[in-house]
Structures are given as C-alpha cells and as structure tokens.
Amino acid sequence: MKKLFFFGVGLLMAGGVIGQAGSNEYSTAIFRHISTVYTNVSTNAKDTFVLRRVETGILSEGQNGLYSSIQRKLFRGNSYSVAAFTDDRVKTFDLSCYIKNSSTNKWDFVSSVKDPGTPPKEPLIGESKFLTITVPADGTYLFEITANRNTDNSTARFAMMVYSSVTATAGSGSGGGTSTGSTTSSGSNDAASTFFSIEGLDYCEYDSVNKTFNNCTSRVGEASLFELNAGKTMFTHTTPSMTSHYYVQTKKFDSQYNLYTYDVVSDVGNKYVFYVPLNGTGNFSIFKEQGNKSYMIKHHIRRSWTGGQ
C-alpha cells in the first residue's frame, strides 16, 4: 500500500452549540485550512490519492463528550485515508474507524489514532490527525471524531477529508472497489468532485432602469464551501449554519463569458441559476427571483480544486 502523507485535516456536519468567540471567524479558519490541506497533500503525495469527500460542521454533544461521524460504503482491498482537524477549542481528539456488523447490527472496531496529532500551525485551528486503512472486508464503515467536553460547555467546528488511493477501483468485493466517488452503471469511478472555497459575497438587486445588478450589499469575509459532485448532478453548499443541496436540471456552456450555466432546484423546491466560471476563479454567482424582484449573489472564489488533480 502506498503511504499517503497529510499535513492537516477536516470536519463533519452535526448538531451542537458554538460557544465563545465568533463562529464566523472559526468557520473562515476551517474553510481556509481545508484549502491549505488540499494544497499540501497534492504537493507532497502527488499521484497517490484522490480526494473523494469533504465534510464540515459542528461537533455534537453526547453523554461522554463531543463527537461526530461519517459513514461510507467501502470495498475490500482498497486503501483509504481520512484527514481530520478541529478548531482550537478542542485541545485533542481521537479518530476511529468501525465496520457495521450485519449479524448484530452493531459497530465493530477496526482502527484508531489516539496519539497526539500534528500541532496547530494556523490561528484558530487545533491539532490534525489522519487515519489510513486497507479495507479488510466489504461493508459500511464509520469514521468518528471523539473529544472531551469543554470546561465551558462550548462545542467546536471540525472537518473530515476522505481520500482513496489512485489505484482504487470499483469491483465485486474481490479486492477492487471504492464507494467514496460516484460510479457509473458499469461500476467504474467518474471524475472526483469539484470544490469552490468562498470568502465573501455581494448580494445585488437588479436595477431595471440601468439594466444591471448594481444595488449591492457586501458581506466581507463570509466563508462557505460549494461542492459539485462527480456526476455533475448536484451542488452542496455548506455555510457556518447549514448545508443545502441543489439538483441540476440543465447545464449549458456560455462561450462568450467562458462559464457554465446550471438551472437548479433546491432541496426545498426553489429554482435558481448558477453561473460557474470555467477556470474556477472570480465569482460563483447565483441568480434568483423573489416576488417581482431579481437578485444576483456573487460569491467570491478564494480557491477551487477538483479531487485528484
């Protein structure tokens, strides 16, 4: 198995109450660090992995402390790594892996990382850890962060980044297979997801007299993350307070402006138009109509990347 080298880690969505200083500052730090981790891993482990999934959110409060987890369907013989990190309100955490026992319907322990992780190197970011496994059997796997409860009863933000080895392929369980990327009907992987890290936006109302979106309100530094799945069928937008899904209805390429236009429907039935620049720089813009008014939300792209590139 090729060893995957990580220099930072990511977090998951869950419930919880953010305590103390500015959740926006913590969110911005988390999204920035996701971008930093991706850059570092791409540089130091080039051609050995594919980024399959990024999860961010707030650690939940449980009976024994803080926790959050994700589940993935994995196949025997393939290698996976999960990179994880929290903000600095968590001093240390454990990262563990379990497999679902189909007979008992319980989670059986596979592996864990309890030793001290990579020390913090950026403001507001805590330690980082990564867990690498060669999948012992086909099944549903759970990756979990657990941490002691904070003395002030606050929780914290976290992120998890799921990677698979480049050689991982879909199969029947005889040694091939990966479920962290989308698969075609024949079982092979499509390209990985594309991510857009956002830092700030302009919320603009259409001026019918001047025929332009010029009445804008700026939200400087407001951080979020867009993900376009590998099959190009759904966008996921993660903000400090929620995660929303948008399902692609149509897709067109505008050669005049060098961008893709997506007609989408949200998970609550609202219609929007997404304008996504071909080169992944500039603005990720969203058009919407509300009543008799039209708006353009211009999200400023800090960085964009496609898993595995």
C-alpha atoms as a PDB file:
ATOM      1  CA  MET A   1       0.000   0.000   0.000  1.00  0.00           C
ATOM      2  CA  LYS A   2       1.243   3.469  -0.858  1.00  0.00           C
ATOM      3  CA  LYS A   3       1.543   5.702   2.168  1.00  0.00           C
ATOM      4  CA  LEU A   4      -0.475   8.908   1.992  1.00  0.00           C
ATOM      5  CA  PHE A   5       1.134  11.934   3.616  1.00  0.00           C
ATOM      6  CA  PHE A   6      -1.068  14.586   5.241  1.00  0.00           C
ATOM      7  CA  PHE A   7      -0.246  17.938   6.738  1.00  0.00           C
ATOM      8  CA  GLY A   8      -3.673  18.957   8.009  1.00  0.00           C
ATOM      9  CA  VAL A   9      -7.227  17.639   8.291  1.00  0.00           C
ATOM     10  CA  GLY A  10     -11.014  18.367   8.045  1.00  0.00           C
ATOM     11  CA  LEU A  11     -14.501  18.226   9.856  1.00  0.00           C
ATOM     12  CA  LEU A  12     -18.182  16.926   9.813  1.00  0.00           C
ATOM     13  CA  MET A  13     -21.793  18.230   9.969  1.00  0.00           C
ATOM     14  CA  ALA A  14     -23.679  17.671  13.212  1.00  0.00           C
ATOM     15  CA  GLY A  15     -25.640  19.456  15.908  1.00  0.00           C
ATOM     16  CA  GLY A  16     -24.207  21.461  18.772  1.00  0.00           C
ATOM     17  CA  VAL A  17     -23.910  24.955  20.166  1.00  0.00           C
ATOM     18  CA  ILE A  18     -21.000  27.157  19.257  1.00  0.00           C
ATOM     19  CA  GLY A  19     -19.666  28.889  22.331  1.00  0.00           C
ATOM     20  CA  GLN A  20     -17.473  31.884  22.957  1.00  0.00           C
ATOM     21  CA  ALA A  21     -15.746  33.849  20.232  1.00  0.00           C
ATOM     22  CA  GLY A  22     -17.122  34.365  16.796  1.00  0.00           C
ATOM     23  CA  SER A  23     -18.429  31.380  14.912  1.00  0.00           C
ATOM     24  CA  ASN A  24     -17.791  33.249  11.648  1.00  0.00           C
ATOM     25  CA  GLU A  25     -14.073  33.531  12.463  1.00  0.00           C
ATOM     26  CA  TYR A  26     -13.898  29.812  13.251  1.00  0.00           C
ATOM     27  CA  SER A  27     -15.800  28.922  10.070  1.00  0.00           C
ATOM     28  CA  THR A  28     -13.479  31.037   7.947  1.00  0.00           C
ATOM     29  CA  ALA A  29     -10.443  29.402   9.557  1.00  0.00           C
ATOM     30  CA  ILE A  30     -11.833  25.911   8.893  1.00  0.00           C
ATOM     31  CA  PHE A  31     -12.577  26.600   5.216  1.00  0.00           C
ATOM     32  CA  ARG A  32      -9.163  28.201   4.727  1.00  0.00           C
ATOM     33  CA  HIS A  33      -7.464  25.199   6.304  1.00  0.00           C
ATOM     34  CA  ILE A  34      -9.366  22.785   4.042  1.00  0.00           C
ATOM     35  CA  SER A  35      -7.836  24.622   1.094  1.00  0.00           C
ATOM     36  CA  THR A  36      -4.387  24.569   2.739  1.00  0.00           C
ATOM     37  CA  VAL A  37      -4.614  20.847   3.451  1.00  0.00           C
ATOM     38  CA  TYR A  38      -5.609  20.075  -0.118  1.00  0.00           C
ATOM     39  CA  THR A  39      -2.672  22.089  -1.478  1.00  0.00           C
ATOM     40  CA  ASN A  40      -0.171  20.465   0.897  1.00  0.00           C
ATOM     41  CA  VAL A  41      -1.382  16.936   0.267  1.00  0.00           C
ATOM     42  CA  SER A  42      -1.406  17.495  -3.505  1.00  0.00           C
ATOM     43  CA  THR A  43       2.180  18.726  -3.340  1.00  0.00           C
ATOM     44  CA  ASN A  44       3.574  16.059  -1.015  1.00  0.00           C
ATOM     45  CA  ALA A  45       1.591  12.977  -2.106  1.00  0.00           C
ATOM     46  CA  LYS A  46       1.121  13.694  -5.781  1.00  0.00           C
ATOM     47  CA  ASP A  47      -0.411  10.901  -7.878  1.00  0.00           C
ATOM     48  CA  THR A  48      -1.034   8.614  -4.881  1.00  0.00           C
ATOM     49  CA  PHE A  49      -4.577   9.632  -3.837  1.00  0.00           C
ATOM     50  CA  VAL A  50      -7.918  11.115  -4.909  1.00  0.00           C
ATOM     51  CA  LEU A  51      -9.940  13.473  -2.702  1.00  0.00           C
ATOM     52  CA  ARG A  52     -13.436  11.993  -2.589  1.00  0.00           C
ATOM     53  CA  ARG A  53     -15.369  13.933   0.031  1.00  0.00           C
ATOM     54  CA  VAL A  54     -15.164  16.948   2.350  1.00  0.00           C
ATOM     55  CA  GLU A  55     -17.446  17.169   5.410  1.00  0.00           C
ATOM     56  CA  THR A  56     -17.613  20.186   7.728  1.00  0.00           C
ATOM     57  CA  GLY A  57     -19.769  21.145  10.675  1.00  0.00           C
ATOM     58  CA  ILE A  58     -20.159  21.326  14.440  1.00  0.00           C
ATOM     59  CA  LEU A  59     -19.313  18.589  16.934  1.00  0.00           C
ATOM     60  CA  SER A  60     -22.369  17.175  18.717  1.00  0.00           C
ATOM     61  CA  GLU A  61     -22.682  16.993  22.486  1.00  0.00           C
ATOM     62  CA  GLY A  62     -23.001  13.438  23.768  1.00  0.00           C
ATOM     63  CA  GLN A  63     -23.121  11.764  27.158  1.00  0.00           C
ATOM     64  CA  ASN A  64     -19.360  11.177  27.156  1.00  0.00           C
ATOM     65  CA  GLY A  65     -18.189  14.341  25.410  1.00  0.00           C
ATOM     66  CA  LEU A  66     -18.096  15.799  21.899  1.00  0.00           C
ATOM     67  CA  TYR A  67     -18.353  13.678  18.763  1.00  0.00           C
ATOM     68  CA  SER A  68     -19.232  13.477  15.069  1.00  0.00           C
ATOM     69  CA  SER A  69     -19.040  10.766  12.409  1.00  0.00           C
ATOM     70  CA  ILE A  70     -19.489   9.904   8.748  1.00  0.00           C
ATOM     71  CA  GLN A  71     -20.401   6.611   7.082  1.00  0.00           C
ATOM     72  CA  ARG A  72     -19.063   5.296   3.765  1.00  0.00           C
ATOM     73  CA  LYS A  73     -19.583   2.099   1.789  1.00  0.00           C
ATOM     74  CA  LEU A  74     -16.071   0.662   1.178  1.00  0.00           C
ATOM     75  CA  PHE A  75     -14.751  -2.436  -0.563  1.00  0.00           C
ATOM     76  CA  ARG A  76     -12.119  -4.976   0.454  1.00  0.00           C
ATOM     77  CA  GLY A  77      -8.526  -4.457  -0.648  1.00  0.00           C
ATOM     78  CA  ASN A  78      -8.612  -0.710  -1.320  1.00  0.00           C
ATOM     79  CA  SER A  79      -6.731   1.904   0.707  1.00  0.00           C
ATOM     80  CA  TYR A  80      -8.449   4.939   2.222  1.00  0.00           C
ATOM     81  CA  SER A  81      -7.319   7.824   4.402  1.00  0.00           C
ATOM     82  CA  VAL A  82      -9.403  10.238   6.435  1.00  0.00           C
ATOM     83  CA  ALA A  83      -7.786  13.518   7.405  1.00  0.00           C
ATOM     84  CA  ALA A  84      -9.454  15.365  10.294  1.00  0.00           C
ATOM     85  CA  PHE A  85      -8.983  18.574  12.267  1.00  0.00           C
ATOM     86  CA  THR A  86     -10.881  20.801  14.692  1.00  0.00           C
ATOM     87  CA  ASP A  87     -10.722  24.416  15.714  1.00  0.00           C
ATOM     88  CA  ASP A  88      -8.599  25.313  18.729  1.00  0.00           C
ATOM     89  CA  ARG A  89     -11.428  24.955  21.269  1.00  0.00           C
ATOM     90  CA  VAL A  90     -10.707  21.211  21.158  1.00  0.00           C
ATOM     91  CA  LYS A  91      -7.238  20.536  22.546  1.00  0.00           C
ATOM     92  CA  THR A  92      -7.040  16.905  21.396  1.00  0.00           C
ATOM     93  CA  PHE A  93      -9.342  14.274  19.898  1.00  0.00           C
ATOM     94  CA  ASP A  94      -9.434  10.601  18.888  1.00  0.00           C
ATOM     95  CA  LEU A  95     -10.118   9.488  15.304  1.00  0.00           C
ATOM     96  CA  SER A  96     -11.547   5.956  14.991  1.00  0.00           C
ATOM     97  CA  CYS A  97     -12.908   3.599  12.333  1.00  0.00           C
ATOM     98  CA  TYR A  98     -15.630   0.935  12.704  1.00  0.00           C
ATOM     99  CA  ILE A  99     -17.390  -1.541  10.385  1.00  0.00           C
ATOM    100  CA  LYS A 100     -21.108  -2.349  10.579  1.00  0.00           C
ATOM    101  CA  ASN A 101     -21.699  -5.967  11.675  1.00  0.00           C
ATOM    102  CA  SER A 102     -24.633  -7.172   9.567  1.00  0.00           C
ATOM    103  CA  SER A 103     -25.361 -10.012  12.006  1.00  0.00           C
ATOM    104  CA  THR A 104     -25.532  -7.972  15.210  1.00  0.00           C
ATOM    105  CA  ASN A 105     -26.305  -4.579  13.619  1.00  0.00           C
ATOM    106  CA  LYS A 106     -23.545  -3.109  15.806  1.00  0.00           C
ATOM    107  CA  TRP A 107     -20.278  -1.347  15.002  1.00  0.00           C
ATOM    108  CA  ASP A 108     -17.110  -3.442  15.273  1.00  0.00           C
ATOM    109  CA  PHE A 109     -13.812  -1.633  15.917  1.00  0.00           C
ATOM    110  CA  VAL A 110     -11.277  -1.543  13.061  1.00  0.00           C
ATOM    111  CA  SER A 111      -8.592   1.033  13.892  1.00  0.00           C
ATOM    112  CA  SER A 112      -7.965   4.350  15.643  1.00  0.00           C
ATOM    113  CA  VAL A 113      -5.481   7.179  16.138  1.00  0.00           C
ATOM    114  CA  LYS A 114      -5.176   8.297  19.762  1.00  0.00           C
ATOM    115  CA  ASP A 115      -1.613   9.584  19.795  1.00  0.00           C
ATOM    116  CA  PRO A 116      -1.039  13.367  19.624  1.00  0.00           C
ATOM    117  CA  GLY A 117      -1.657  14.706  16.124  1.00  0.00           C
ATOM    118  CA  THR A 118       0.065  17.408  14.111  1.00  0.00           C
ATOM    119  CA  PRO A 119       0.423  20.531  16.315  1.00  0.00           C
ATOM    120  CA  PRO A 120      -1.560  23.645  15.345  1.00  0.00           C
ATOM    121  CA  LYS A 121       0.150  25.830  12.752  1.00  0.00           C
ATOM    122  CA  GLU A 122      -2.600  28.324  11.886  1.00  0.00           C
ATOM    123  CA  PRO A 123      -4.695  30.720  14.026  1.00  0.00           C
ATOM    124  CA  LEU A 124      -7.903  29.204  15.464  1.00  0.00           C
ATOM    125  CA  ILE A 125      -7.029  25.708  14.182  1.00  0.00           C
ATOM    126  CA  GLY A 126      -6.386  22.820  16.585  1.00  0.00           C
ATOM    127  CA  GLU A 127      -4.449  19.609  16.019  1.00  0.00           C
ATOM    128  CA  SER A 128      -4.762  17.452  12.896  1.00  0.00           C
ATOM    129  CA  LYS A 129      -4.863  13.664  12.546  1.00  0.00           C
ATOM    130  CA  PHE A 130      -5.146  11.146   9.732  1.00  0.00           C
ATOM    131  CA  LEU A 131      -6.186   7.520   9.696  1.00  0.00           C
ATOM    132  CA  THR A 132      -5.213   5.196   6.842  1.00  0.00           C
ATOM    133  CA  ILE A 133      -6.710   1.714   6.391  1.00  0.00           C
ATOM    134  CA  THR A 134      -6.611  -1.079   3.848  1.00  0.00           C
ATOM    135  CA  VAL A 135     -10.230  -2.233   3.867  1.00  0.00           C
ATOM    136  CA  PRO A 136     -10.412  -5.774   5.347  1.00  0.00           C
ATOM    137  CA  ALA A 137     -13.932  -6.587   4.090  1.00  0.00           C
ATOM    138  CA  ASP A 138     -16.772  -5.116   2.032  1.00  0.00           C
ATOM    139  CA  GLY A 139     -19.179  -3.131   4.177  1.00  0.00           C
ATOM    140  CA  THR A 140     -20.360   0.143   5.668  1.00  0.00           C
ATOM    141  CA  TYR A 141     -17.633   1.932   7.605  1.00  0.00           C
ATOM    142  CA  LEU A 142     -17.963   4.676  10.197  1.00  0.00           C
ATOM    143  CA  PHE A 143     -15.231   7.260  10.866  1.00  0.00           C
ATOM    144  CA  GLU A 144     -15.687   9.093  14.172  1.00  0.00           C
ATOM    145  CA  ILE A 145     -14.131  12.053  15.987  1.00  0.00           C
ATOM    146  CA  THR A 146     -14.456  11.999  19.791  1.00  0.00           C
ATOM    147  CA  ALA A 147     -13.204  14.608  22.257  1.00  0.00           C
ATOM    148  CA  ASN A 148     -13.595  15.537  25.915  1.00  0.00           C
ATOM    149  CA  ARG A 149     -16.312  18.016  26.798  1.00  0.00           C
ATOM    150  CA  ASN A 150     -15.011  21.595  27.119  1.00  0.00           C
ATOM    151  CA  THR A 151     -14.973  23.076  30.620  1.00  0.00           C
ATOM    152  CA  ASP A 152     -17.175  25.984  29.461  1.00  0.00           C
ATOM    153  CA  ASN A 153     -19.644  23.554  27.796  1.00  0.00           C
ATOM    154  CA  SER A 154     -18.911  25.001  24.350  1.00  0.00           C
ATOM    155  CA  THR A 155     -18.563  22.804  21.295  1.00  0.00           C
ATOM    156  CA  ALA A 156     -16.318  23.321  18.253  1.00  0.00           C
ATOM    157  CA  ARG A 157     -16.071  23.081  14.483  1.00  0.00           C
ATOM    158  CA  PHE A 158     -14.382  20.231  12.639  1.00  0.00           C
ATOM    159  CA  ALA A 159     -13.679  18.887   9.143  1.00  0.00           C
ATOM    160  CA  MET A 160     -13.017  15.495   7.561  1.00  0.00           C
ATOM    161  CA  MET A 161     -11.464  14.920   4.139  1.00  0.00           C
ATOM    162  CA  VAL A 162     -11.863  11.432   2.645  1.00  0.00           C
ATOM    163  CA  TYR A 163      -9.179  10.197   0.232  1.00  0.00           C
ATOM    164  CA  SER A 164      -8.755   6.947  -1.665  1.00  0.00           C
ATOM    165  CA  SER A 165      -5.649   5.610  -3.336  1.00  0.00           C
ATOM    166  CA  VAL A 166      -5.499   6.354  -7.061  1.00  0.00           C
ATOM    167  CA  THR A 167      -5.421   2.610  -7.781  1.00  0.00           C
ATOM    168  CA  ALA A 168      -8.761   2.025  -6.007  1.00  0.00           C
ATOM    169  CA  THR A 169     -11.320   0.684  -8.480  1.00  0.00           C
ATOM    170  CA  ALA A 170     -14.924  -0.431  -8.248  1.00  0.00           C
ATOM    171  CA  GLY A 171     -15.473  -4.157  -8.061  1.00  0.00           C
ATOM    172  CA  SER A 172     -17.485  -7.019  -6.662  1.00  0.00           C
ATOM    173  CA  GLY A 173     -15.624  -7.224  -3.367  1.00  0.00           C
ATOM    174  CA  SER A 174     -12.772  -9.414  -4.531  1.00  0.00           C
ATOM    175  CA  GLY A 175     -10.231  -6.703  -3.902  1.00  0.00           C
ATOM    176  CA  GLY A 176     -11.433  -3.781  -6.011  1.00  0.00           C
ATOM    177  CA  GLY A 177     -13.906  -1.028  -5.278  1.00  0.00           C
ATOM    178  CA  THR A 178     -14.488   2.420  -3.930  1.00  0.00           C
ATOM    179  CA  SER A 179     -17.725   3.989  -2.834  1.00  0.00           C
ATOM    180  CA  THR A 180     -16.463   7.432  -1.948  1.00  0.00           C
ATOM    181  CA  GLY A 181     -16.626   8.507  -5.594  1.00  0.00           C
ATOM    182  CA  SER A 182     -19.666   8.298  -7.896  1.00  0.00           C
ATOM    183  CA  THR A 183     -19.826   5.222 -10.073  1.00  0.00           C
ATOM    184  CA  THR A 184     -21.309   4.572 -13.482  1.00  0.00           C
ATOM    185  CA  SER A 185     -23.665   1.694 -14.159  1.00  0.00           C
ATOM    186  CA  SER A 186     -20.664  -0.423 -15.107  1.00  0.00           C
ATOM    187  CA  GLY A 187     -19.100   0.226 -11.681  1.00  0.00           C
ATOM    188  CA  SER A 188     -16.140   2.446 -12.640  1.00  0.00           C
ATOM    189  CA  ASN A 189     -15.473   5.799 -10.979  1.00  0.00           C
ATOM    190  CA  ASP A 190     -16.334   9.113 -12.553  1.00  0.00           C
ATOM    191  CA  ALA A 191     -14.067  12.096 -12.006  1.00  0.00           C
ATOM    192  CA  ALA A 192     -13.915  13.380  -8.432  1.00  0.00           C
ATOM    193  CA  SER A 193     -15.986  16.237  -7.006  1.00  0.00           C
ATOM    194  CA  THR A 194     -15.123  19.881  -7.687  1.00  0.00           C
ATOM    195  CA  PHE A 195     -14.904  22.316  -4.759  1.00  0.00           C
ATOM    196  CA  PHE A 196     -15.166  26.109  -4.552  1.00  0.00           C
ATOM    197  CA  SER A 197     -13.942  27.743  -1.343  1.00  0.00           C
ATOM    198  CA  ILE A 198     -15.754  31.056  -0.833  1.00  0.00           C
ATOM    199  CA  GLU A 199     -14.600  34.108   1.097  1.00  0.00           C
ATOM    200  CA  GLY A 200     -17.083  36.994   0.958  1.00  0.00           C
ATOM    201  CA  LEU A 201     -20.030  37.806  -1.288  1.00  0.00           C
ATOM    202  CA  ASP A 202     -22.048  40.649  -2.827  1.00  0.00           C
ATOM    203  CA  TYR A 203     -25.862  40.435  -2.648  1.00  0.00           C
ATOM    204  CA  CYS A 204     -27.123  42.532  -5.576  1.00  0.00           C
ATOM    205  CA  GLU A 205     -30.622  43.636  -6.617  1.00  0.00           C
ATOM    206  CA  TYR A 206     -31.444  44.207 -10.284  1.00  0.00           C
ATOM    207  CA  ASP A 207     -31.797  47.856 -11.365  1.00  0.00           C
ATOM    208  CA  SER A 208     -34.459  47.835 -14.094  1.00  0.00           C
ATOM    209  CA  VAL A 209     -33.614  51.406 -15.137  1.00  0.00           C
ATOM    210  CA  ASN A 210     -29.902  50.869 -15.721  1.00  0.00           C
ATOM    211  CA  LYS A 211     -30.382  47.195 -16.650  1.00  0.00           C
ATOM    212  CA  THR A 212     -27.729  45.938 -14.253  1.00  0.00           C
ATOM    213  CA  PHE A 213     -27.239  44.410 -10.799  1.00  0.00           C
ATOM    214  CA  ASN A 214     -25.789  47.481  -9.129  1.00  0.00           C
ATOM    215  CA  ASN A 215     -27.598  47.781  -5.788  1.00  0.00           C
ATOM    216  CA  CYS A 216     -25.280  45.554  -3.765  1.00  0.00           C
ATOM    217  CA  THR A 217     -24.682  44.726  -0.123  1.00  0.00           C
ATOM    218  CA  SER A 218     -21.253  43.236   0.647  1.00  0.00           C
ATOM    219  CA  ARG A 219     -20.565  40.541   3.236  1.00  0.00           C
ATOM    220  CA  VAL A 220     -16.810  40.704   3.560  1.00  0.00           C
ATOM    221  CA  GLY A 221     -15.068  37.506   4.677  1.00  0.00           C
ATOM    222  CA  GLU A 222     -18.233  35.373   4.844  1.00  0.00           C
ATOM    223  CA  ALA A 223     -16.935  31.834   4.314  1.00  0.00           C
ATOM    224  CA  SER A 224     -18.654  28.830   2.743  1.00  0.00           C
ATOM    225  CA  LEU A 225     -17.930  25.859   0.501  1.00  0.00           C
ATOM    226  CA  PHE A 226     -19.626  24.687  -2.712  1.00  0.00           C
ATOM    227  CA  GLU A 227     -19.190  21.116  -3.949  1.00  0.00           C
ATOM    228  CA  LEU A 228     -20.253  19.880  -7.396  1.00  0.00           C
ATOM    229  CA  ASN A 229     -20.463  16.107  -7.302  1.00  0.00           C
ATOM    230  CA  ALA A 230     -18.536  13.890  -9.714  1.00  0.00           C
ATOM    231  CA  GLY A 231     -21.581  13.161 -11.846  1.00  0.00           C
ATOM    232  CA  LYS A 232     -22.321  16.899 -12.191  1.00  0.00           C
ATOM    233  CA  THR A 233     -25.870  16.287 -10.961  1.00  0.00           C
ATOM    234  CA  MET A 234     -25.891  18.067  -7.574  1.00  0.00           C
ATOM    235  CA  PHE A 235     -24.332  21.031  -5.781  1.00  0.00           C
ATOM    236  CA  THR A 236     -23.857  21.001  -1.996  1.00  0.00           C
ATOM    237  CA  HIS A 237     -23.424  24.375  -0.258  1.00  0.00           C
ATOM    238  CA  THR A 238     -22.057  24.360   3.296  1.00  0.00           C
ATOM    239  CA  THR A 239     -22.216  27.536   5.391  1.00  0.00           C
ATOM    240  CA  PRO A 240     -21.457  28.100   9.101  1.00  0.00           C
ATOM    241  CA  SER A 241     -25.099  27.388   9.977  1.00  0.00           C
ATOM    242  CA  MET A 242     -26.455  24.863   7.453  1.00  0.00           C
ATOM    243  CA  THR A 243     -25.963  22.621   4.430  1.00  0.00           C
ATOM    244  CA  SER A 244     -28.189  22.881   1.333  1.00  0.00           C
ATOM    245  CA  HIS A 245     -28.470  20.740  -1.793  1.00  0.00           C
ATOM    246  CA  TYR A 246     -29.267  21.892  -5.342  1.00  0.00           C
ATOM    247  CA  TYR A 247     -30.200  19.424  -8.064  1.00  0.00           C
ATOM    248  CA  VAL A 248     -29.068  20.139 -11.621  1.00  0.00           C
ATOM    249  CA  GLN A 249     -31.863  20.282 -14.222  1.00  0.00           C
ATOM    250  CA  THR A 250     -29.925  21.585 -17.226  1.00  0.00           C
ATOM    251  CA  LYS A 251     -26.328  22.559 -17.973  1.00  0.00           C
ATOM    252  CA  LYS A 252     -25.010  24.839 -20.735  1.00  0.00           C
ATOM    253  CA  PHE A 253     -21.642  26.345 -21.630  1.00  0.00           C
ATOM    254  CA  ASP A 254     -21.514  30.083 -22.449  1.00  0.00           C
ATOM    255  CA  SER A 255     -18.501  30.592 -24.709  1.00  0.00           C
ATOM    256  CA  GLN A 256     -18.902  34.404 -24.648  1.00  0.00           C
ATOM    257  CA  TYR A 257     -18.357  34.615 -20.894  1.00  0.00           C
ATOM    258  CA  ASN A 258     -16.408  31.349 -20.535  1.00  0.00           C
ATOM    259  CA  LEU A 259     -18.670  29.885 -17.845  1.00  0.00           C
ATOM    260  CA  TYR A 260     -21.148  27.094 -17.231  1.00  0.00           C
ATOM    261  CA  THR A 261     -24.817  27.854 -16.567  1.00  0.00           C
ATOM    262  CA  TYR A 262     -26.750  25.414 -14.390  1.00  0.00           C
ATOM    263  CA  ASP A 263     -30.524  25.541 -13.882  1.00  0.00           C
ATOM    264  CA  VAL A 264     -31.032  24.008 -10.431  1.00  0.00           C
ATOM    265  CA  VAL A 265     -33.793  23.226  -7.941  1.00  0.00           C
ATOM    266  CA  SER A 266     -33.047  23.373  -4.213  1.00  0.00           C
ATOM    267  CA  ASP A 267     -33.901  20.693  -1.672  1.00  0.00           C
ATOM    268  CA  VAL A 268     -36.951  22.788  -0.671  1.00  0.00           C
ATOM    269  CA  GLY A 269     -38.168  23.328  -4.238  1.00  0.00           C
ATOM    270  CA  ASN A 270     -36.816  26.807  -5.079  1.00  0.00           C
ATOM    271  CA  LYS A 271     -35.369  27.473  -8.541  1.00  0.00           C
ATOM    272  CA  TYR A 272     -32.023  29.192  -9.175  1.00  0.00           C
ATOM    273  CA  VAL A 273     -29.455  29.658 -11.924  1.00  0.00           C
ATOM    274  CA  PHE A 274     -25.796  29.001 -11.044  1.00  0.00           C
ATOM    275  CA  TYR A 275     -23.046  30.678 -13.081  1.00  0.00           C
ATOM    276  CA  VAL A 276     -19.741  28.835 -12.609  1.00  0.00           C
ATOM    277  CA  PRO A 277     -16.531  30.147 -14.277  1.00  0.00           C
ATOM    278  CA  LEU A 278     -14.686  27.612 -16.415  1.00  0.00           C
ATOM    279  CA  ASN A 279     -11.289  28.429 -14.874  1.00  0.00           C
ATOM    280  CA  GLY A 280     -12.631  28.329 -11.293  1.00  0.00           C
ATOM    281  CA  THR A 281     -11.669  31.933 -10.489  1.00  0.00           C
ATOM    282  CA  GLY A 282     -13.675  35.123  -9.980  1.00  0.00           C
ATOM    283  CA  ASN A 283     -17.255  34.731  -8.807  1.00  0.00           C
ATOM    284  CA  PHE A 284     -19.559  31.772  -8.280  1.00  0.00           C
ATOM    285  CA  SER A 285     -22.809  33.649  -8.992  1.00  0.00           C
ATOM    286  CA  ILE A 286     -26.397  32.665  -8.219  1.00  0.00           C
ATOM    287  CA  PHE A 287     -29.454  34.254  -9.846  1.00  0.00           C
ATOM    288  CA  LYS A 288     -32.808  34.107  -8.106  1.00  0.00           C
ATOM    289  CA  GLU A 289     -36.235  35.740  -8.368  1.00  0.00           C
ATOM    290  CA  GLN A 290     -38.263  36.676  -5.313  1.00  0.00           C
ATOM    291  CA  GLY A 291     -41.667  38.206  -5.875  1.00  0.00           C
ATOM    292  CA  ASN A 292     -41.288  40.830  -8.603  1.00  0.00           C
ATOM    293  CA  LYS A 293     -37.576  41.383  -7.898  1.00  0.00           C
ATOM    294  CA  SER A 294     -34.437  39.708  -9.219  1.00  0.00           C
ATOM    295  CA  TYR A 295     -31.147  39.195  -7.381  1.00  0.00           C
ATOM    296  CA  MET A 296     -27.601  38.085  -8.158  1.00  0.00           C
ATOM    297  CA  ILE A 297     -25.497  36.688  -5.327  1.00  0.00           C
ATOM    298  CA  LYS A 298     -21.820  36.922  -6.258  1.00  0.00           C
ATOM    299  CA  HIS A 299     -19.718  34.565  -4.134  1.00  0.00           C
ATOM    300  CA  HIS A 300     -16.018  35.456  -4.283  1.00  0.00           C
ATOM    301  CA  ILE A 301     -13.976  32.324  -5.050  1.00  0.00           C
ATOM    302  CA  ARG A 302     -10.903  32.097  -2.832  1.00  0.00           C
ATOM    303  CA  ARG A 303      -9.771  28.816  -4.364  1.00  0.00           C
ATOM    304  CA  SER A 304     -11.215  25.986  -6.436  1.00  0.00           C
ATOM    305  CA  TRP A 305      -9.990  22.429  -6.993  1.00  0.00           C
ATOM    306  CA  THR A 306     -11.072  19.033  -8.275  1.00  0.00           C
ATOM    307  CA  GLY A 307     -10.276  15.982  -6.181  1.00  0.00           C
ATOM    308  CA  GLY A 308      -7.385  14.003  -7.586  1.00  0.00           C
ATOM    309  CA  GLN A 309      -5.912  16.830  -9.642  1.00  0.00           C
END
